[in-house]
Amino acid sequence: MGLLIAIVAWVWPVLAHEELTNNTQQPYIVAYNAPHPYESEPKEYIISQIISQSKKSGISPEILLAIAKCESGYQQKWNSRHWERPGYYTAFGVFQVIAGHEKTYDFDRLTLYGNIQIAIQLYLKNGLKDWSQSLSCIRSML
């Protein structure tokens, strides 16, 4: 087993270029290749939450499940290119919600609940438009 060097850091729950929504700081361990604190939910749990929230909103679960599968493979994670340019590639979560949508819809996209809620609002407003890069994948699953 290799040596794991961890650094204790104070990290705000938002990116540096975004405004802080509160003044609380949360300590956690930062380690090489460690997942983001919000990336730990198991796939089965994520799928169950998508189904539950879609039914509550009146959207067919199959639609939201197809979007989530194509966008992230049901993973609550950063865009694959985020670490190349963090201020530019801001998409995060199961639905790969970008930073600007948090302020518009008043949910925290870094949480699973918030990511699903923003996706629901986007779908109700725009249909599949916000996931145009994954449209062929999404349509193939419906």
Protein backbone atom coordinates (compact mmCIF):
# COMPACT_ATOMS: atom_id res chain seq x y z
CA MET A 1 0.00 0.00 0.00
CA GLY A 2 1.29 3.38 -0.92
CA LEU A 3 1.62 6.22 1.48
CA LEU A 4 -1.42 8.45 1.55
CA ILE A 5 -0.69 12.02 2.43
CA ALA A 6 -3.75 13.97 3.41
CA ILE A 7 -4.06 17.64 4.10
CA VAL A 8 -6.75 19.01 6.35
CA ALA A 9 -8.29 22.01 4.66
CA TRP A 10 -11.16 24.38 5.16
CA VAL A 11 -13.26 24.29 2.03
CA TRP A 12 -16.30 26.37 1.21
CA PRO A 13 -19.24 24.48 -0.30
CA VAL A 14 -19.08 26.62 -3.46
CA LEU A 15 -16.44 27.38 -6.07
CA ALA A 16 -14.21 30.40 -5.49
CA HIS A 17 -15.78 32.37 -8.35
CA GLU A 18 -19.29 32.01 -6.92
CA GLU A 19 -20.70 34.08 -4.10
CA LEU A 20 -20.86 32.43 -0.71
CA THR A 21 -24.43 31.59 0.21
CA ASN A 22 -23.64 31.35 3.90
CA ASN A 23 -20.71 31.94 6.20
CA THR A 24 -20.19 28.37 7.37
CA GLN A 25 -17.00 26.56 6.56
CA GLN A 26 -16.81 22.79 6.60
CA PRO A 27 -13.55 20.96 7.30
CA TYR A 28 -12.80 17.73 5.50
CA ILE A 29 -9.79 15.72 4.45
CA VAL A 30 -8.39 16.45 1.01
CA ALA A 31 -6.34 13.60 -0.42
CA TYR A 32 -4.90 12.79 -3.81
CA ASN A 33 -7.69 11.41 -6.03
CA ALA A 34 -10.16 11.58 -3.15
CA PRO A 35 -13.80 11.94 -4.22
CA HIS A 36 -15.69 15.16 -3.61
CA PRO A 37 -17.67 14.85 -0.35
CA TYR A 38 -20.93 14.78 -2.32
CA GLU A 39 -19.77 11.98 -4.65
CA SER A 40 -20.34 9.16 -2.18
CA GLU A 41 -23.96 8.15 -2.77
CA PRO A 42 -24.37 4.61 -4.19
CA LYS A 43 -25.90 4.31 -7.66
CA GLU A 44 -28.97 2.42 -6.36
CA TYR A 45 -29.74 5.22 -3.92
CA ILE A 46 -29.32 7.86 -6.64
CA ILE A 47 -31.70 5.98 -8.96
CA SER A 48 -34.30 5.61 -6.20
CA GLN A 49 -34.15 9.35 -5.48
CA ILE A 50 -34.55 10.24 -9.17
CA ILE A 51 -37.61 7.98 -9.41
CA SER A 52 -39.13 9.37 -6.21
CA GLN A 53 -38.60 13.03 -7.10
CA SER A 54 -39.74 12.60 -10.72
CA LYS A 55 -43.02 11.01 -9.58
CA LYS A 56 -43.62 13.88 -7.15
CA SER A 57 -43.09 16.39 -9.98
CA GLY A 58 -45.31 14.56 -12.46
CA ILE A 59 -42.46 13.77 -14.85
CA SER A 60 -42.06 10.23 -16.13
CA PRO A 61 -39.17 8.60 -14.23
CA GLU A 62 -37.93 7.10 -17.51
CA ILE A 63 -37.16 10.58 -18.86
CA LEU A 64 -35.10 11.71 -15.88
CA LEU A 65 -33.39 8.32 -15.61
CA ALA A 66 -32.38 8.52 -19.28
CA ILE A 67 -30.97 12.04 -18.81
CA ALA A 68 -29.02 10.99 -15.70
CA LYS A 69 -27.67 7.84 -17.34
CA CYS A 70 -26.45 9.74 -20.40
CA GLU A 71 -25.08 12.74 -18.51
CA SER A 72 -23.25 11.01 -15.67
CA GLY A 73 -23.95 7.29 -15.55
CA TYR A 74 -26.00 8.02 -12.37
CA GLN A 75 -22.96 9.49 -10.62
CA GLN A 76 -22.93 12.59 -8.46
CA LYS A 77 -19.63 13.95 -9.80
CA TRP A 78 -17.88 16.84 -11.53
CA ASN A 79 -17.76 17.16 -15.30
CA SER A 80 -14.89 14.99 -16.57
CA ARG A 81 -12.97 18.12 -17.64
CA HIS A 82 -13.62 20.15 -14.46
CA TRP A 83 -10.09 19.83 -13.09
CA GLU A 84 -8.59 21.14 -16.36
CA ARG A 85 -10.41 24.49 -15.96
CA PRO A 86 -12.56 24.55 -12.78
CA GLY A 87 -14.00 28.00 -13.43
CA TYR A 88 -15.05 27.05 -16.95
CA TYR A 89 -16.26 23.44 -16.65
CA THR A 90 -18.73 23.88 -13.81
CA ALA A 91 -21.19 21.06 -14.53
CA PHE A 92 -21.74 18.88 -11.49
CA GLY A 93 -23.90 15.99 -10.44
CA VAL A 94 -26.17 13.34 -11.80
CA PHE A 95 -27.70 15.83 -14.26
CA GLN A 96 -24.48 17.83 -14.82
CA VAL A 97 -26.07 21.09 -13.67
CA ILE A 98 -23.97 24.20 -14.33
CA ALA A 99 -23.23 26.87 -11.74
CA GLY A 100 -25.64 29.54 -12.99
CA HIS A 101 -28.70 27.37 -12.47
CA GLU A 102 -28.21 27.34 -8.69
CA LYS A 103 -29.04 31.01 -8.42
CA THR A 104 -31.94 30.78 -10.86
CA TYR A 105 -33.68 27.87 -9.14
CA ASP A 106 -32.44 28.36 -5.56
CA PHE A 107 -31.21 24.80 -4.99
CA ASP A 108 -27.68 23.59 -4.21
CA ARG A 109 -26.54 21.63 -7.26
CA LEU A 110 -23.76 20.01 -5.20
CA THR A 111 -26.33 18.00 -3.25
CA LEU A 112 -28.19 15.11 -4.84
CA TYR A 113 -31.56 16.58 -3.87
CA GLY A 114 -30.68 20.01 -5.30
CA ASN A 115 -29.25 18.53 -8.49
CA ILE A 116 -32.44 16.54 -9.09
CA GLN A 117 -34.67 19.52 -8.27
CA ILE A 118 -32.82 21.81 -10.67
CA ALA A 119 -33.05 19.15 -13.39
CA ILE A 120 -36.80 18.86 -12.80
CA GLN A 121 -37.23 22.63 -13.12
CA LEU A 122 -35.08 22.73 -16.26
CA TYR A 123 -37.05 19.90 -17.84
CA LEU A 124 -40.41 21.47 -16.98
CA LYS A 125 -39.28 24.78 -18.49
CA ASN A 126 -37.22 23.63 -21.51
CA GLY A 127 -37.80 19.93 -22.11
CA LEU A 128 -34.53 18.26 -23.16
CA LYS A 129 -32.94 21.49 -24.48
CA ASP A 130 -30.50 21.81 -21.57
CA TRP A 131 -29.05 18.37 -22.33
CA SER A 132 -28.60 18.88 -26.08
CA GLN A 133 -25.12 17.30 -26.11
CA SER A 134 -26.64 14.04 -24.83
CA LEU A 135 -29.84 14.18 -26.86
CA SER A 136 -29.12 11.19 -29.12
CA CYS A 137 -28.22 9.06 -26.10
CA ILE A 138 -31.33 10.19 -24.20
CA ARG A 139 -33.65 9.54 -27.12
CA SER A 140 -32.16 6.08 -27.66
CA MET A 141 -33.17 5.16 -24.10
CA LEU A 142 -36.78 6.38 -24.37
